[in-house]
Amino acid sequence: MSIAAGLALAACVVIDTAEQLSYSLVGRKPRQRAAWIALGVGLHLTSLLMWLWLLTLMPLGRALLLRGGGYITIALAGWLILNERVDAFSWMGIALIVIGIACIFHLS
């Protein structure tokens, strides 16, 4: 994987995580609902542009699998930032995603 592809992939995952956090805050901060929605939509559009750039740098099959890392960061951000509960099944799912991503890197 090239440096540009790695940066684009990391940007996609980080932006997706921030987007999901902003949407989650819509329900928690009702007075600021419009601002959180606007931020989420802006992040979604930014994520779309980063995804399109990523697809110019690597094949769809690999990019989509590696972007699954977003599930890990979103769960961890919800746990660390929003104090959400992550149950044992979620931790097992996160572990399986990590193993899958490691396999993809090892095999490529």
N, C-alpha and C. Protein backbone atom coordinates (compact mmCIF):
# COMPACT_ATOMS: atom_id res chain seq x y z
N MET A 1 0.85 -1.17 0.00
CA MET A 1 0.00 0.00 0.00
C MET A 1 0.90 1.24 0.00
N SER A 2 0.55 2.18 -0.83
CA SER A 2 1.34 3.40 -0.91
C SER A 2 1.05 4.30 0.29
N ILE A 3 1.91 5.27 0.51
CA ILE A 3 1.71 6.23 1.60
C ILE A 3 0.43 7.01 1.38
N ALA A 4 0.18 7.43 0.14
CA ALA A 4 -1.04 8.19 -0.16
C ALA A 4 -2.29 7.36 0.14
N ALA A 5 -2.26 6.08 -0.21
CA ALA A 5 -3.41 5.20 0.06
C ALA A 5 -3.60 5.03 1.56
N GLY A 6 -2.52 4.87 2.30
CA GLY A 6 -2.61 4.76 3.76
C GLY A 6 -3.18 6.01 4.40
N LEU A 7 -2.74 7.17 3.90
CA LEU A 7 -3.26 8.44 4.43
C LEU A 7 -4.74 8.61 4.09
N ALA A 8 -5.11 8.27 2.87
CA ALA A 8 -6.52 8.38 2.47
C ALA A 8 -7.38 7.44 3.29
N LEU A 9 -6.90 6.22 3.53
CA LEU A 9 -7.64 5.25 4.32
C LEU A 9 -7.80 5.75 5.76
N ALA A 10 -6.71 6.23 6.35
CA ALA A 10 -6.77 6.75 7.72
C ALA A 10 -7.72 7.94 7.80
N ALA A 11 -7.68 8.82 6.81
CA ALA A 11 -8.58 9.97 6.80
C ALA A 11 -10.03 9.52 6.73
N CYS A 12 -10.33 8.53 5.90
CA CYS A 12 -11.70 8.00 5.80
C CYS A 12 -12.18 7.49 7.15
N VAL A 13 -11.36 6.73 7.83
CA VAL A 13 -11.74 6.14 9.10
C VAL A 13 -11.95 7.22 10.17
N VAL A 14 -11.03 8.18 10.24
CA VAL A 14 -11.13 9.25 11.23
C VAL A 14 -12.36 10.12 10.96
N ILE A 15 -12.58 10.47 9.71
CA ILE A 15 -13.72 11.31 9.37
C ILE A 15 -15.03 10.57 9.64
N ASP A 16 -15.10 9.28 9.30
CA ASP A 16 -16.30 8.50 9.60
C ASP A 16 -16.57 8.45 11.10
N THR A 17 -15.54 8.32 11.89
CA THR A 17 -15.70 8.28 13.34
C THR A 17 -16.23 9.61 13.85
N ALA A 18 -15.65 10.70 13.40
CA ALA A 18 -16.13 12.03 13.81
C ALA A 18 -17.57 12.26 13.36
N GLU A 19 -17.91 11.79 12.18
CA GLU A 19 -19.28 11.93 11.67
C GLU A 19 -20.26 11.20 12.59
N GLN A 20 -19.94 9.96 12.94
CA GLN A 20 -20.85 9.19 13.80
C GLN A 20 -20.96 9.80 15.20
N LEU A 21 -19.88 10.36 15.72
CA LEU A 21 -19.94 11.04 17.01
C LEU A 21 -20.84 12.26 16.93
N SER A 22 -20.75 13.01 15.84
CA SER A 22 -21.60 14.21 15.71
C SER A 22 -23.07 13.82 15.62
N TYR A 23 -23.39 12.76 14.91
CA TYR A 23 -24.78 12.32 14.84
C TYR A 23 -25.27 11.82 16.20
N SER A 24 -24.40 11.18 16.95
CA SER A 24 -24.79 10.72 18.28
C SER A 24 -25.07 11.89 19.22
N LEU A 25 -24.34 12.97 19.05
CA LEU A 25 -24.55 14.15 19.90
C LEU A 25 -25.82 14.90 19.58
N VAL A 26 -26.44 14.63 18.43
CA VAL A 26 -27.71 15.27 18.09
C VAL A 26 -28.75 14.98 19.17
N GLY A 27 -28.82 13.74 19.62
CA GLY A 27 -29.79 13.37 20.64
C GLY A 27 -29.39 13.77 22.04
N ARG A 28 -28.12 13.97 22.26
CA ARG A 28 -27.65 14.29 23.61
C ARG A 28 -27.63 15.79 23.89
N LYS A 29 -27.54 16.59 22.85
CA LYS A 29 -27.46 18.04 23.01
C LYS A 29 -28.56 18.70 22.16
N PRO A 30 -29.82 18.63 22.60
CA PRO A 30 -30.93 19.10 21.76
C PRO A 30 -30.85 20.58 21.38
N ARG A 31 -30.27 21.40 22.21
CA ARG A 31 -30.19 22.84 21.88
C ARG A 31 -29.24 23.11 20.73
N GLN A 32 -28.30 22.21 20.54
CA GLN A 32 -27.30 22.38 19.48
C GLN A 32 -27.55 21.40 18.33
N ARG A 33 -28.76 20.90 18.22
CA ARG A 33 -29.09 19.86 17.24
C ARG A 33 -28.72 20.26 15.82
N ALA A 34 -29.09 21.44 15.39
CA ALA A 34 -28.81 21.87 14.02
C ALA A 34 -27.31 21.92 13.73
N ALA A 35 -26.54 22.38 14.71
CA ALA A 35 -25.09 22.47 14.52
C ALA A 35 -24.48 21.08 14.38
N TRP A 36 -24.92 20.12 15.21
CA TRP A 36 -24.38 18.77 15.13
C TRP A 36 -24.78 18.09 13.83
N ILE A 37 -26.01 18.34 13.38
CA ILE A 37 -26.44 17.76 12.10
C ILE A 37 -25.63 18.35 10.95
N ALA A 38 -25.44 19.66 10.97
CA ALA A 38 -24.66 20.31 9.91
C ALA A 38 -23.23 19.79 9.89
N LEU A 39 -22.64 19.61 11.07
CA LEU A 39 -21.28 19.07 11.14
C LEU A 39 -21.26 17.65 10.58
N GLY A 40 -22.24 16.84 10.94
CA GLY A 40 -22.30 15.47 10.45
C GLY A 40 -22.43 15.40 8.94
N VAL A 41 -23.27 16.25 8.38
CA VAL A 41 -23.44 16.27 6.92
C VAL A 41 -22.16 16.74 6.24
N GLY A 42 -21.52 17.75 6.80
CA GLY A 42 -20.24 18.22 6.23
C GLY A 42 -19.18 17.14 6.28
N LEU A 43 -19.12 16.42 7.39
CA LEU A 43 -18.16 15.33 7.50
C LEU A 43 -18.49 14.20 6.54
N HIS A 44 -19.78 13.96 6.34
CA HIS A 44 -20.18 12.91 5.39
C HIS A 44 -19.73 13.25 3.98
N LEU A 45 -19.91 14.50 3.58
CA LEU A 45 -19.47 14.92 2.24
C LEU A 45 -17.94 14.83 2.12
N THR A 46 -17.24 15.22 3.17
CA THR A 46 -15.78 15.12 3.17
C THR A 46 -15.35 13.66 3.06
N SER A 47 -16.04 12.79 3.79
CA SER A 47 -15.75 11.36 3.75
C SER A 47 -15.97 10.80 2.34
N LEU A 48 -17.02 11.25 1.69
CA LEU A 48 -17.28 10.80 0.32
C LEU A 48 -16.13 11.18 -0.61
N LEU A 49 -15.65 12.40 -0.49
CA LEU A 49 -14.53 12.83 -1.34
C LEU A 49 -13.26 12.02 -1.04
N MET A 50 -13.01 11.75 0.24
CA MET A 50 -11.83 10.95 0.61
C MET A 50 -11.98 9.52 0.08
N TRP A 51 -13.19 8.97 0.14
CA TRP A 51 -13.45 7.61 -0.35
C TRP A 51 -13.19 7.55 -1.85
N LEU A 52 -13.65 8.55 -2.59
CA LEU A 52 -13.41 8.57 -4.04
C LEU A 52 -11.92 8.65 -4.34
N TRP A 53 -11.18 9.42 -3.56
CA TRP A 53 -9.73 9.51 -3.74
C TRP A 53 -9.08 8.16 -3.42
N LEU A 54 -9.54 7.54 -2.33
CA LEU A 54 -8.99 6.25 -1.94
C LEU A 54 -9.18 5.21 -3.05
N LEU A 55 -10.34 5.24 -3.70
CA LEU A 55 -10.61 4.27 -4.76
C LEU A 55 -9.74 4.48 -5.99
N THR A 56 -9.15 5.64 -6.15
CA THR A 56 -8.20 5.84 -7.24
C THR A 56 -6.83 5.26 -6.89
N LEU A 57 -6.62 4.97 -5.59
CA LEU A 57 -5.31 4.53 -5.12
C LEU A 57 -5.23 3.02 -4.84
N MET A 58 -6.39 2.36 -4.64
CA MET A 58 -6.37 0.92 -4.36
C MET A 58 -7.67 0.29 -4.84
N PRO A 59 -7.67 -1.00 -5.06
CA PRO A 59 -8.86 -1.69 -5.54
C PRO A 59 -10.00 -1.64 -4.51
N LEU A 60 -11.22 -1.63 -5.00
CA LEU A 60 -12.41 -1.55 -4.15
C LEU A 60 -12.44 -2.66 -3.11
N GLY A 61 -12.16 -3.89 -3.52
CA GLY A 61 -12.23 -5.02 -2.59
C GLY A 61 -11.34 -4.84 -1.38
N ARG A 62 -10.14 -4.39 -1.57
CA ARG A 62 -9.20 -4.18 -0.46
C ARG A 62 -9.59 -2.94 0.34
N ALA A 63 -9.96 -1.86 -0.34
CA ALA A 63 -10.31 -0.61 0.35
C ALA A 63 -11.52 -0.80 1.26
N LEU A 64 -12.52 -1.50 0.77
CA LEU A 64 -13.73 -1.70 1.56
C LEU A 64 -13.45 -2.54 2.80
N LEU A 65 -12.64 -3.57 2.65
CA LEU A 65 -12.30 -4.41 3.80
C LEU A 65 -11.48 -3.63 4.84
N LEU A 66 -10.53 -2.87 4.38
CA LEU A 66 -9.69 -2.11 5.31
C LEU A 66 -10.46 -0.98 5.97
N ARG A 67 -11.46 -0.45 5.28
CA ARG A 67 -12.25 0.62 5.87
C ARG A 67 -13.11 0.09 7.02
N GLY A 68 -13.20 -1.21 7.15
CA GLY A 68 -13.89 -1.80 8.29
C GLY A 68 -13.25 -1.41 9.62
N GLY A 69 -12.05 -0.89 9.56
CA GLY A 69 -11.41 -0.37 10.77
C GLY A 69 -12.22 0.74 11.41
N GLY A 70 -13.09 1.36 10.64
CA GLY A 70 -13.97 2.40 11.19
C GLY A 70 -14.89 1.86 12.26
N TYR A 71 -15.30 0.59 12.14
CA TYR A 71 -16.14 -0.01 13.17
C TYR A 71 -15.41 -0.05 14.51
N ILE A 72 -14.11 -0.26 14.44
CA ILE A 72 -13.31 -0.29 15.67
C ILE A 72 -13.24 1.10 16.28
N THR A 73 -12.88 2.09 15.47
CA THR A 73 -12.70 3.44 16.00
C THR A 73 -14.02 4.04 16.48
N ILE A 74 -15.12 3.73 15.80
CA ILE A 74 -16.42 4.25 16.23
C ILE A 74 -16.80 3.65 17.58
N ALA A 75 -16.62 2.35 17.74
CA ALA A 75 -16.94 1.71 19.03
C ALA A 75 -16.05 2.26 20.14
N LEU A 76 -14.76 2.41 19.85
CA LEU A 76 -13.85 2.94 20.87
C LEU A 76 -14.14 4.39 21.20
N ALA A 77 -14.49 5.19 20.20
CA ALA A 77 -14.83 6.60 20.46
C ALA A 77 -16.10 6.70 21.28
N GLY A 78 -17.09 5.87 20.97
CA GLY A 78 -18.31 5.88 21.78
C GLY A 78 -18.03 5.50 23.22
N TRP A 79 -17.15 4.55 23.41
CA TRP A 79 -16.79 4.09 24.75
C TRP A 79 -15.98 5.15 25.50
N LEU A 80 -14.96 5.71 24.84
CA LEU A 80 -14.05 6.65 25.50
C LEU A 80 -14.63 8.06 25.63
N ILE A 81 -15.30 8.53 24.60
CA ILE A 81 -15.75 9.93 24.58
C ILE A 81 -17.18 10.08 25.10
N LEU A 82 -18.05 9.16 24.69
CA LEU A 82 -19.47 9.28 25.07
C LEU A 82 -19.85 8.39 26.24
N ASN A 83 -18.88 7.66 26.79
CA ASN A 83 -19.11 6.76 27.92
C ASN A 83 -20.20 5.73 27.63
N GLU A 84 -20.24 5.25 26.40
CA GLU A 84 -21.19 4.20 26.04
C GLU A 84 -20.64 2.85 26.48
N ARG A 85 -21.54 1.94 26.73
CA ARG A 85 -21.15 0.60 27.16
C ARG A 85 -20.81 -0.24 25.93
N VAL A 86 -19.70 -0.95 25.99
CA VAL A 86 -19.32 -1.89 24.95
C VAL A 86 -19.34 -3.28 25.58
N ASP A 87 -20.26 -4.12 25.13
CA ASP A 87 -20.41 -5.44 25.75
C ASP A 87 -19.37 -6.43 25.21
N ALA A 88 -19.38 -7.62 25.79
CA ALA A 88 -18.39 -8.64 25.44
C ALA A 88 -18.47 -9.04 23.97
N PHE A 89 -19.69 -9.14 23.44
CA PHE A 89 -19.83 -9.52 22.02
C PHE A 89 -19.24 -8.45 21.10
N SER A 90 -19.39 -7.20 21.48
CA SER A 90 -18.79 -6.12 20.68
C SER A 90 -17.27 -6.20 20.71
N TRP A 91 -16.70 -6.47 21.90
CA TRP A 91 -15.24 -6.61 21.99
C TRP A 91 -14.76 -7.79 21.15
N MET A 92 -15.54 -8.88 21.14
CA MET A 92 -15.15 -10.02 20.30
C MET A 92 -15.23 -9.65 18.82
N GLY A 93 -16.24 -8.88 18.44
CA GLY A 93 -16.34 -8.43 17.06
C GLY A 93 -15.18 -7.53 16.68
N ILE A 94 -14.80 -6.64 17.58
CA ILE A 94 -13.65 -5.77 17.33
C ILE A 94 -12.39 -6.61 17.15
N ALA A 95 -12.22 -7.62 17.99
CA ALA A 95 -11.05 -8.50 17.86
C ALA A 95 -11.04 -9.21 16.52
N LEU A 96 -12.20 -9.67 16.05
CA LEU A 96 -12.27 -10.34 14.75
C LEU A 96 -11.93 -9.37 13.60
N ILE A 97 -12.39 -8.14 13.72
CA ILE A 97 -12.07 -7.14 12.69
C ILE A 97 -10.56 -6.90 12.66
N VAL A 98 -9.94 -6.77 13.82
CA VAL A 98 -8.49 -6.56 13.89
C VAL A 98 -7.76 -7.74 13.25
N ILE A 99 -8.20 -8.95 13.55
CA ILE A 99 -7.58 -10.14 12.95
C ILE A 99 -7.76 -10.12 11.43
N GLY A 100 -8.95 -9.75 10.97
CA GLY A 100 -9.20 -9.69 9.53
C GLY A 100 -8.32 -8.66 8.83
N ILE A 101 -8.19 -7.50 9.43
CA ILE A 101 -7.33 -6.46 8.85
C ILE A 101 -5.88 -6.91 8.84
N ALA A 102 -5.45 -7.57 9.90
CA ALA A 102 -4.07 -8.09 9.95
C ALA A 102 -3.85 -9.12 8.84
N CYS A 103 -4.85 -9.96 8.60
CA CYS A 103 -4.74 -10.95 7.52
C CYS A 103 -4.62 -10.27 6.16
N ILE A 104 -5.41 -9.23 5.94
CA ILE A 104 -5.36 -8.51 4.67
C ILE A 104 -3.96 -7.91 4.45
N PHE A 105 -3.39 -7.30 5.50
CA PHE A 105 -2.06 -6.72 5.37
C PHE A 105 -1.01 -7.81 5.17
N HIS A 106 -1.17 -8.93 5.85
CA HIS A 106 -0.19 -10.01 5.75
C HIS A 106 -0.21 -10.65 4.35
N LEU A 107 -1.39 -10.78 3.78
CA LEU A 107 -1.52 -11.44 2.50
C LEU A 107 -1.22 -10.54 1.32
N SER A 108 -1.16 -9.22 1.56
CA SER A 108 -0.91 -8.34 0.41
C SER A 108 0.56 -8.01 0.24
